[in-house]
Amino acid sequence: MATLSELLPVDAVRLDVPVANWRDAIRASGDLLTETGTTTARYTDEMVENVERNGPYIVVAPGLAFAHARPSPAVLHTGMSWVRLAEPVAFGHEANDPVTLVVALAAQDSAAHQSAMVALARLLNDPATDRALREAATPEAVHRILSGEATAAASPTEQAARDAPADAGASGAGATHTILTVCGNGLGTSLFLKNTLEQVLDRWGWSRHVTVEATDTISARGKAREAVAILTSEEIAKALGDVGIPVRVVGDFTSATEVDGVLRDTYDV
């Protein structure tokens, strides 16, 4: 699988880009994908249409939008782009607006980019590294952090997610549960949330008892009968409706503290 720095080369990083609105912000990230030979211009339209159809669920954390669409003939090869905006713009997300950073993904399939997505999510999950990426002075500086050549000072682990519950209810003998993380396409934002949830499960010592699967809204309805809960955005939760299991809303997909609280509520611990 390609690494994060391979999927997001320095030529695909652009800083302090002026835009008027969220559509222009997505188009700026899409233009970079086209310029680097990752997609045709049609894919940019598909990313905009995804938000028009599913709402601003791609705003996965305060100030961060993860633009993407389904694999299509407009994707020439799997790749990413990184656009920091000159001024923040609103996407219409109740909790995470306004957006200052747009990261775009174009994927040919559901597998090739997963390790890079995990790496990116882990970087953005760390407040110090996230801050360093958002404040980097040049595209080269961003790329050095993404490639691991430069790192920010380590930050303390979020306390709430460090403290495992005393009664590990999911860890009874032989117990195995599935939790679904869901987004519109099952390729981008759901992987961010999956990574954060798995980090919390690791800290709790529940990883061998709870499997996390990232999926899309259509597949989630069929898979719900095999899961104990769904974690997703408010927009996707509304689109899913009643699927017969708890659907828990997460506002910040990169926050271990918030996911920890949602998990405690799900298992009543």
C-alpha atoms as a PDB file:
ATOM      1  CA  MET A   1       0.000   0.000   0.000  1.00  0.00           C
ATOM      2  CA  ALA A   2       1.133   3.544  -0.751  1.00  0.00           C
ATOM      3  CA  THR A   3       2.353   5.718   2.099  1.00  0.00           C
ATOM      4  CA  LEU A   4       0.799   9.037   3.037  1.00  0.00           C
ATOM      5  CA  SER A   5       3.710  11.026   1.609  1.00  0.00           C
ATOM      6  CA  GLU A   6       3.426   9.080  -1.674  1.00  0.00           C
ATOM      7  CA  LEU A   7      -0.286   9.732  -2.001  1.00  0.00           C
ATOM      8  CA  LEU A   8       0.104  13.374  -0.969  1.00  0.00           C
ATOM      9  CA  PRO A   9       3.249  14.726  -2.712  1.00  0.00           C
ATOM     10  CA  VAL A  10       4.531  18.232  -2.102  1.00  0.00           C
ATOM     11  CA  ASP A  11       3.078  19.336  -5.476  1.00  0.00           C
ATOM     12  CA  ALA A  12      -0.384  18.511  -4.098  1.00  0.00           C
ATOM     13  CA  VAL A  13      -0.027  20.913  -1.155  1.00  0.00           C
ATOM     14  CA  ARG A  14      -1.154  24.523  -1.480  1.00  0.00           C
ATOM     15  CA  LEU A  15      -1.310  27.082   1.318  1.00  0.00           C
ATOM     16  CA  ASP A  16      -3.324  30.245   1.951  1.00  0.00           C
ATOM     17  CA  VAL A  17      -5.670  29.829  -1.004  1.00  0.00           C
ATOM     18  CA  PRO A  18      -8.400  32.507  -1.249  1.00  0.00           C
ATOM     19  CA  VAL A  19     -11.933  31.125  -1.778  1.00  0.00           C
ATOM     20  CA  ALA A  20     -15.402  32.601  -1.499  1.00  0.00           C
ATOM     21  CA  ASN A  21     -17.401  29.587  -0.250  1.00  0.00           C
ATOM     22  CA  TRP A  22     -17.347  25.860   0.414  1.00  0.00           C
ATOM     23  CA  ARG A  23     -17.801  24.950  -3.236  1.00  0.00           C
ATOM     24  CA  ASP A  24     -14.759  27.003  -4.178  1.00  0.00           C
ATOM     25  CA  ALA A  25     -12.821  25.342  -1.339  1.00  0.00           C
ATOM     26  CA  ILE A  26     -13.615  21.868  -2.657  1.00  0.00           C
ATOM     27  CA  ARG A  27     -12.848  22.987  -6.192  1.00  0.00           C
ATOM     28  CA  ALA A  28      -9.445  24.287  -5.080  1.00  0.00           C
ATOM     29  CA  SER A  29      -8.617  20.855  -3.667  1.00  0.00           C
ATOM     30  CA  GLY A  30      -9.990  19.179  -6.788  1.00  0.00           C
ATOM     31  CA  ASP A  31      -7.941  21.422  -9.067  1.00  0.00           C
ATOM     32  CA  LEU A  32      -4.810  20.170  -7.311  1.00  0.00           C
ATOM     33  CA  LEU A  33      -5.862  16.557  -7.885  1.00  0.00           C
ATOM     34  CA  THR A  34      -6.293  17.355 -11.569  1.00  0.00           C
ATOM     35  CA  GLU A  35      -3.007  19.266 -11.836  1.00  0.00           C
ATOM     36  CA  THR A  36      -1.068  16.367 -10.312  1.00  0.00           C
ATOM     37  CA  GLY A  37      -2.652  13.865 -12.715  1.00  0.00           C
ATOM     38  CA  THR A  38      -4.688  12.093 -10.042  1.00  0.00           C
ATOM     39  CA  THR A  39      -8.140  12.832 -11.490  1.00  0.00           C
ATOM     40  CA  THR A  40      -9.979  14.478 -14.318  1.00  0.00           C
ATOM     41  CA  ALA A  41     -11.958  17.651 -13.662  1.00  0.00           C
ATOM     42  CA  ARG A  42     -15.133  15.563 -13.438  1.00  0.00           C
ATOM     43  CA  TYR A  43     -14.048  14.209 -10.056  1.00  0.00           C
ATOM     44  CA  THR A  44     -14.114  17.723  -8.600  1.00  0.00           C
ATOM     45  CA  ASP A  45     -17.758  18.003  -9.631  1.00  0.00           C
ATOM     46  CA  GLU A  46     -18.425  14.640  -7.979  1.00  0.00           C
ATOM     47  CA  MET A  47     -16.937  15.846  -4.686  1.00  0.00           C
ATOM     48  CA  VAL A  48     -19.159  18.934  -4.745  1.00  0.00           C
ATOM     49  CA  GLU A  49     -22.199  16.801  -5.624  1.00  0.00           C
ATOM     50  CA  ASN A  50     -21.418  14.510  -2.687  1.00  0.00           C
ATOM     51  CA  VAL A  51     -21.864  17.405  -0.238  1.00  0.00           C
ATOM     52  CA  GLU A  52     -24.933  18.691  -2.070  1.00  0.00           C
ATOM     53  CA  ARG A  53     -26.479  15.218  -1.768  1.00  0.00           C
ATOM     54  CA  ASN A  54     -25.341  14.136   1.718  1.00  0.00           C
ATOM     55  CA  GLY A  55     -24.717  17.417   3.541  1.00  0.00           C
ATOM     56  CA  PRO A  56     -21.522  18.691   5.199  1.00  0.00           C
ATOM     57  CA  TYR A  57     -20.627  15.402   6.915  1.00  0.00           C
ATOM     58  CA  ILE A  58     -17.156  15.695   5.359  1.00  0.00           C
ATOM     59  CA  VAL A  59     -16.313  18.361   7.969  1.00  0.00           C
ATOM     60  CA  VAL A  60     -14.912  15.719  10.303  1.00  0.00           C
ATOM     61  CA  ALA A  61     -13.289  17.959  12.924  1.00  0.00           C
ATOM     62  CA  PRO A  62     -13.221  21.655  13.823  1.00  0.00           C
ATOM     63  CA  GLY A  63     -11.836  23.502  10.805  1.00  0.00           C
ATOM     64  CA  LEU A  64     -11.157  20.341   8.762  1.00  0.00           C
ATOM     65  CA  ALA A  65     -13.064  19.107   5.700  1.00  0.00           C
ATOM     66  CA  PHE A  66     -12.192  15.794   4.081  1.00  0.00           C
ATOM     67  CA  ALA A  67     -13.448  16.094   0.501  1.00  0.00           C
ATOM     68  CA  HIS A  68     -14.040  12.927  -1.514  1.00  0.00           C
ATOM     69  CA  ALA A  69     -16.469  11.018  -3.692  1.00  0.00           C
ATOM     70  CA  ARG A  70     -16.972   7.410  -4.712  1.00  0.00           C
ATOM     71  CA  PRO A  71     -14.436   5.676  -6.973  1.00  0.00           C
ATOM     72  CA  SER A  72     -15.281   6.522 -10.573  1.00  0.00           C
ATOM     73  CA  PRO A  73     -13.714   6.663 -14.050  1.00  0.00           C
ATOM     74  CA  ALA A  74     -12.685  10.238 -13.184  1.00  0.00           C
ATOM     75  CA  VAL A  75     -10.058   8.845 -10.776  1.00  0.00           C
ATOM     76  CA  LEU A  76      -6.891   8.080 -12.741  1.00  0.00           C
ATOM     77  CA  HIS A  77      -4.966   6.805  -9.726  1.00  0.00           C
ATOM     78  CA  THR A  78      -5.336   7.023  -5.963  1.00  0.00           C
ATOM     79  CA  GLY A  79      -4.046  10.271  -4.518  1.00  0.00           C
ATOM     80  CA  MET A  80      -4.702  13.201  -2.203  1.00  0.00           C
ATOM     81  CA  SER A  81      -4.392  16.986  -2.023  1.00  0.00           C
ATOM     82  CA  TRP A  82      -4.013  19.473   0.841  1.00  0.00           C
ATOM     83  CA  VAL A  83      -5.403  23.024   0.707  1.00  0.00           C
ATOM     84  CA  ARG A  84      -5.110  25.514   3.547  1.00  0.00           C
ATOM     85  CA  LEU A  85      -7.484  28.420   3.018  1.00  0.00           C
ATOM     86  CA  ALA A  86      -6.490  32.072   3.315  1.00  0.00           C
ATOM     87  CA  GLU A  87      -9.729  32.753   5.203  1.00  0.00           C
ATOM     88  CA  PRO A  88     -12.127  30.238   6.768  1.00  0.00           C
ATOM     89  CA  VAL A  89     -15.414  29.417   5.051  1.00  0.00           C
ATOM     90  CA  ALA A  90     -18.638  27.826   6.289  1.00  0.00           C
ATOM     91  CA  PHE A  91     -19.733  24.425   5.003  1.00  0.00           C
ATOM     92  CA  GLY A  92     -22.960  24.417   6.999  1.00  0.00           C
ATOM     93  CA  HIS A  93     -21.712  22.066   9.729  1.00  0.00           C
ATOM     94  CA  GLU A  94     -23.298  22.943  13.062  1.00  0.00           C
ATOM     95  CA  ALA A  95     -20.304  22.021  15.245  1.00  0.00           C
ATOM     96  CA  ASN A  96     -17.133  22.132  13.120  1.00  0.00           C
ATOM     97  CA  ASP A  97     -17.494  25.265  10.962  1.00  0.00           C
ATOM     98  CA  PRO A  98     -15.718  27.323   9.779  1.00  0.00           C
ATOM     99  CA  VAL A  99     -13.241  25.317   7.694  1.00  0.00           C
ATOM    100  CA  THR A 100      -9.628  26.359   7.205  1.00  0.00           C
ATOM    101  CA  LEU A 101      -8.173  23.099   5.846  1.00  0.00           C
ATOM    102  CA  VAL A 102      -9.488  20.916   3.016  1.00  0.00           C
ATOM    103  CA  VAL A 103      -7.876  17.532   2.426  1.00  0.00           C
ATOM    104  CA  ALA A 104      -9.155  15.755  -0.676  1.00  0.00           C
ATOM    105  CA  LEU A 105      -9.007  12.036  -1.480  1.00  0.00           C
ATOM    106  CA  ALA A 106      -9.485  10.341  -4.830  1.00  0.00           C
ATOM    107  CA  ALA A 107      -9.529   6.544  -4.507  1.00  0.00           C
ATOM    108  CA  GLN A 108      -9.686   3.916  -7.232  1.00  0.00           C
ATOM    109  CA  ASP A 109     -10.906   1.306  -4.758  1.00  0.00           C
ATOM    110  CA  SER A 110     -11.611   0.857  -1.058  1.00  0.00           C
ATOM    111  CA  ALA A 111      -8.239  -0.626  -0.083  1.00  0.00           C
ATOM    112  CA  ALA A 112      -5.204   1.103  -1.558  1.00  0.00           C
ATOM    113  CA  HIS A 113      -5.410   4.241   0.555  1.00  0.00           C
ATOM    114  CA  GLN A 114      -6.352   2.771   3.918  1.00  0.00           C
ATOM    115  CA  SER A 115      -2.884   2.727   5.504  1.00  0.00           C
ATOM    116  CA  ALA A 116      -2.316   6.323   4.409  1.00  0.00           C
ATOM    117  CA  MET A 117      -5.667   7.318   5.889  1.00  0.00           C
ATOM    118  CA  VAL A 118      -4.747   5.723   9.208  1.00  0.00           C
ATOM    119  CA  ALA A 119      -1.441   7.590   9.191  1.00  0.00           C
ATOM    120  CA  LEU A 120      -3.154  10.914   8.448  1.00  0.00           C
ATOM    121  CA  ALA A 121      -5.817  10.347  11.097  1.00  0.00           C
ATOM    122  CA  ARG A 122      -3.178   9.587  13.713  1.00  0.00           C
ATOM    123  CA  LEU A 123      -1.293  12.782  12.851  1.00  0.00           C
ATOM    124  CA  LEU A 124      -4.433  14.901  13.073  1.00  0.00           C
ATOM    125  CA  ASN A 125      -5.488  13.161  16.287  1.00  0.00           C
ATOM    126  CA  ASP A 126      -2.412  14.611  18.001  1.00  0.00           C
ATOM    127  CA  PRO A 127      -3.103  18.274  18.869  1.00  0.00           C
ATOM    128  CA  ALA A 128       0.543  19.371  18.588  1.00  0.00           C
ATOM    129  CA  THR A 129       1.067  17.734  15.198  1.00  0.00           C
ATOM    130  CA  ASP A 130      -2.297  18.994  13.960  1.00  0.00           C
ATOM    131  CA  ARG A 131      -1.313  22.520  14.971  1.00  0.00           C
ATOM    132  CA  ALA A 132       2.089  22.209  13.288  1.00  0.00           C
ATOM    133  CA  LEU A 133       0.475  21.033  10.057  1.00  0.00           C
ATOM    134  CA  ARG A 134      -2.050  23.873  10.062  1.00  0.00           C
ATOM    135  CA  GLU A 135       0.646  26.478  10.814  1.00  0.00           C
ATOM    136  CA  ALA A 136       3.365  25.184   8.459  1.00  0.00           C
ATOM    137  CA  ALA A 137       4.932  28.010   6.465  1.00  0.00           C
ATOM    138  CA  THR A 138       5.533  26.151   3.193  1.00  0.00           C
ATOM    139  CA  PRO A 139       4.246  23.100   1.300  1.00  0.00           C
ATOM    140  CA  GLU A 140       7.631  21.503   1.890  1.00  0.00           C
ATOM    141  CA  ALA A 141       7.197  21.907   5.653  1.00  0.00           C
ATOM    142  CA  VAL A 142       3.761  20.257   5.490  1.00  0.00           C
ATOM    143  CA  HIS A 143       5.169  17.372   3.492  1.00  0.00           C
ATOM    144  CA  ARG A 144       8.069  16.846   5.915  1.00  0.00           C
ATOM    145  CA  ILE A 145       5.595  16.402   8.776  1.00  0.00           C
ATOM    146  CA  LEU A 146       3.379  14.093   6.731  1.00  0.00           C
ATOM    147  CA  SER A 147       6.364  11.962   5.733  1.00  0.00           C
ATOM    148  CA  GLY A 148       7.668  11.734   9.297  1.00  0.00           C
ATOM    149  CA  GLU A 149      10.835  13.728   8.570  1.00  0.00           C
ATOM    150  CA  ALA A 150       9.693  16.426  10.993  1.00  0.00           C
ATOM    151  CA  THR A 151       7.400  15.976  13.951  1.00  0.00           C
ATOM    152  CA  ALA A 152       5.820  18.259  16.449  1.00  0.00           C
ATOM    153  CA  ALA A 153       6.439  17.895  20.146  1.00  0.00           C
ATOM    154  CA  ALA A 154       4.404  15.058  21.591  1.00  0.00           C
ATOM    155  CA  SER A 155       1.245  16.086  23.389  1.00  0.00           C
ATOM    156  CA  PRO A 156      -0.271  14.424  26.441  1.00  0.00           C
ATOM    157  CA  THR A 157      -2.748  11.676  25.638  1.00  0.00           C
ATOM    158  CA  GLU A 158      -6.324  12.767  26.200  1.00  0.00           C
ATOM    159  CA  GLN A 159      -7.084  11.819  29.779  1.00  0.00           C
ATOM    160  CA  ALA A 160     -10.638  10.638  29.292  1.00  0.00           C
ATOM    161  CA  ALA A 161      -9.599   8.147  26.632  1.00  0.00           C
ATOM    162  CA  ARG A 162      -6.649   6.912  28.691  1.00  0.00           C
ATOM    163  CA  ASP A 163      -8.733   5.709  31.621  1.00  0.00           C
ATOM    164  CA  ALA A 164     -10.341   2.394  30.770  1.00  0.00           C
ATOM    165  CA  PRO A 165     -13.659   1.679  32.488  1.00  0.00           C
ATOM    166  CA  ALA A 166     -13.371  -0.597  35.484  1.00  0.00           C
ATOM    167  CA  ASP A 167     -16.043  -2.950  34.180  1.00  0.00           C
ATOM    168  CA  ALA A 168     -15.084  -3.993  30.636  1.00  0.00           C
ATOM    169  CA  GLY A 169     -18.573  -5.058  29.659  1.00  0.00           C
ATOM    170  CA  ALA A 170     -17.676  -6.025  26.079  1.00  0.00           C
ATOM    171  CA  SER A 171     -14.820  -8.212  27.242  1.00  0.00           C
ATOM    172  CA  GLY A 172     -16.762 -11.090  28.700  1.00  0.00           C
ATOM    173  CA  ALA A 173     -15.478 -14.535  27.863  1.00  0.00           C
ATOM    174  CA  GLY A 174     -15.758 -15.103  24.117  1.00  0.00           C
ATOM    175  CA  ALA A 175     -17.684 -11.866  23.490  1.00  0.00           C
ATOM    176  CA  THR A 176     -17.112 -10.299  20.072  1.00  0.00           C
ATOM    177  CA  HIS A 177     -19.010  -7.215  18.962  1.00  0.00           C
ATOM    178  CA  THR A 178     -19.015  -5.175  15.753  1.00  0.00           C
ATOM    179  CA  ILE A 179     -19.369  -1.404  15.603  1.00  0.00           C
ATOM    180  CA  LEU A 180     -19.895   0.285  12.242  1.00  0.00           C
ATOM    181  CA  THR A 181     -18.463   3.702  11.393  1.00  0.00           C
ATOM    182  CA  VAL A 182     -20.464   5.116   8.517  1.00  0.00           C
ATOM    183  CA  CYS A 183     -20.112   7.858   5.920  1.00  0.00           C
ATOM    184  CA  GLY A 184     -21.670   8.532   2.547  1.00  0.00           C
ATOM    185  CA  ASN A 185     -19.112   6.550   0.577  1.00  0.00           C
ATOM    186  CA  GLY A 186     -17.335   4.355   3.132  1.00  0.00           C
ATOM    187  CA  LEU A 187     -13.936   5.510   1.886  1.00  0.00           C
ATOM    188  CA  GLY A 188     -12.912   8.647   3.725  1.00  0.00           C
ATOM    189  CA  THR A 189     -14.555  10.100   6.797  1.00  0.00           C
ATOM    190  CA  SER A 190     -15.636   6.704   8.127  1.00  0.00           C
ATOM    191  CA  LEU A 191     -11.965   5.674   8.156  1.00  0.00           C
ATOM    192  CA  PHE A 192     -11.093   8.731  10.266  1.00  0.00           C
ATOM    193  CA  LEU A 193     -13.722   7.727  12.791  1.00  0.00           C
ATOM    194  CA  LYS A 194     -12.715   4.048  12.641  1.00  0.00           C
ATOM    195  CA  ASN A 195      -9.117   4.959  13.484  1.00  0.00           C
ATOM    196  CA  THR A 196     -10.120   7.106  16.467  1.00  0.00           C
ATOM    197  CA  LEU A 197     -12.492   4.455  17.787  1.00  0.00           C
ATOM    198  CA  GLU A 198      -9.823   1.770  17.471  1.00  0.00           C
ATOM    199  CA  GLN A 199      -7.368   3.922  19.412  1.00  0.00           C
ATOM    200  CA  VAL A 200      -9.883   4.248  22.252  1.00  0.00           C
ATOM    201  CA  LEU A 201     -10.581   0.504  22.192  1.00  0.00           C
ATOM    202  CA  ASP A 202      -6.831  -0.161  22.347  1.00  0.00           C
ATOM    203  CA  ARG A 203      -6.512   2.038  25.442  1.00  0.00           C
ATOM    204  CA  TRP A 204      -9.442   0.263  27.059  1.00  0.00           C
ATOM    205  CA  GLY A 205      -8.017  -3.160  26.258  1.00  0.00           C
ATOM    206  CA  TRP A 206     -11.162  -4.066  24.294  1.00  0.00           C
ATOM    207  CA  SER A 207      -9.635  -4.419  20.805  1.00  0.00           C
ATOM    208  CA  ARG A 208      -9.815  -8.205  20.755  1.00  0.00           C
ATOM    209  CA  HIS A 209     -13.502  -8.078  21.646  1.00  0.00           C
ATOM    210  CA  VAL A 210     -14.796  -5.268  19.396  1.00  0.00           C
ATOM    211  CA  THR A 211     -14.327  -5.151  15.629  1.00  0.00           C
ATOM    212  CA  VAL A 212     -14.721  -1.804  13.875  1.00  0.00           C
ATOM    213  CA  GLU A 213     -15.845  -1.722  10.249  1.00  0.00           C
ATOM    214  CA  ALA A 214     -15.962   1.408   8.085  1.00  0.00           C
ATOM    215  CA  THR A 215     -18.757   1.361   5.550  1.00  0.00           C
ATOM    216  CA  ASP A 216     -21.191   3.454   3.503  1.00  0.00           C
ATOM    217  CA  THR A 217     -24.827   4.303   4.181  1.00  0.00           C
ATOM    218  CA  ILE A 218     -26.268   1.710   1.795  1.00  0.00           C
ATOM    219  CA  SER A 219     -24.165  -1.158   3.141  1.00  0.00           C
ATOM    220  CA  ALA A 220     -24.708  -0.067   6.750  1.00  0.00           C
ATOM    221  CA  ARG A 221     -28.425  -0.811   6.550  1.00  0.00           C
ATOM    222  CA  GLY A 222     -27.712  -4.408   5.581  1.00  0.00           C
ATOM    223  CA  LYS A 223     -24.891  -4.855   8.078  1.00  0.00           C
ATOM    224  CA  ALA A 224     -26.737  -3.298  11.027  1.00  0.00           C
ATOM    225  CA  ARG A 225     -28.258  -6.609  12.100  1.00  0.00           C
ATOM    226  CA  GLU A 226     -24.746  -7.929  12.795  1.00  0.00           C
ATOM    227  CA  ALA A 227     -23.567  -4.872  14.761  1.00  0.00           C
ATOM    228  CA  VAL A 228     -24.202  -3.457  18.221  1.00  0.00           C
ATOM    229  CA  ALA A 229     -24.033   0.215  17.215  1.00  0.00           C
ATOM    230  CA  ILE A 230     -23.277   2.686  14.455  1.00  0.00           C
ATOM    231  CA  LEU A 231     -21.068   5.743  14.947  1.00  0.00           C
ATOM    232  CA  THR A 232     -21.467   8.495  12.365  1.00  0.00           C
ATOM    233  CA  SER A 233     -22.123  12.178  11.718  1.00  0.00           C
ATOM    234  CA  GLU A 234     -25.420  13.929  12.398  1.00  0.00           C
ATOM    235  CA  GLU A 235     -26.146  14.245   8.666  1.00  0.00           C
ATOM    236  CA  ILE A 236     -25.575  10.541   7.980  1.00  0.00           C
ATOM    237  CA  ALA A 237     -27.526   9.536  11.104  1.00  0.00           C
ATOM    238  CA  LYS A 238     -30.553  11.391   9.724  1.00  0.00           C
ATOM    239  CA  ALA A 239     -30.119   9.705   6.341  1.00  0.00           C
ATOM    240  CA  LEU A 240     -29.902   6.246   7.942  1.00  0.00           C
ATOM    241  CA  GLY A 241     -33.003   6.640  10.086  1.00  0.00           C
ATOM    242  CA  ASP A 242     -34.053   3.657  12.214  1.00  0.00           C
ATOM    243  CA  VAL A 243     -31.819   0.664  11.475  1.00  0.00           C
ATOM    244  CA  GLY A 244     -32.705  -1.354  14.564  1.00  0.00           C
ATOM    245  CA  ILE A 245     -29.536  -0.594  16.574  1.00  0.00           C
ATOM    246  CA  PRO A 246     -28.278   2.544  18.326  1.00  0.00           C
ATOM    247  CA  VAL A 247     -26.914   5.203  15.963  1.00  0.00           C
ATOM    248  CA  ARG A 248     -24.495   7.437  17.882  1.00  0.00           C
ATOM    249  CA  VAL A 249     -23.526  10.870  16.551  1.00  0.00           C
ATOM    250  CA  VAL A 250     -19.900  12.013  16.756  1.00  0.00           C
ATOM    251  CA  GLY A 251     -19.117  15.656  16.039  1.00  0.00           C
ATOM    252  CA  ASP A 252     -15.301  15.529  15.924  1.00  0.00           C
ATOM    253  CA  PHE A 253     -14.056  12.359  14.229  1.00  0.00           C
ATOM    254  CA  THR A 254     -10.504  13.015  15.431  1.00  0.00           C
ATOM    255  CA  SER A 255     -11.360  13.475  19.129  1.00  0.00           C
ATOM    256  CA  ALA A 256     -10.541  10.462  21.298  1.00  0.00           C
ATOM    257  CA  THR A 257     -12.247  12.208  24.203  1.00  0.00           C
ATOM    258  CA  GLU A 258     -15.573  12.524  22.366  1.00  0.00           C
ATOM    259  CA  VAL A 259     -15.420   8.993  20.972  1.00  0.00           C
ATOM    260  CA  ASP A 260     -14.555   7.701  24.445  1.00  0.00           C
ATOM    261  CA  GLY A 261     -17.718   9.334  25.789  1.00  0.00           C
ATOM    262  CA  VAL A 262     -19.865   7.920  22.994  1.00  0.00           C
ATOM    263  CA  LEU A 263     -18.445   4.443  23.586  1.00  0.00           C
ATOM    264  CA  ARG A 264     -19.126   4.684  27.343  1.00  0.00           C
ATOM    265  CA  ASP A 265     -22.693   5.715  26.591  1.00  0.00           C
ATOM    266  CA  THR A 266     -23.110   2.845  24.126  1.00  0.00           C
ATOM    267  CA  TYR A 267     -21.986   0.250  26.668  1.00  0.00           C
ATOM    268  CA  ASP A 268     -23.325   2.098  29.722  1.00  0.00           C
ATOM    269  CA  VAL A 269     -19.972   2.088  31.533  1.00  0.00           C
END
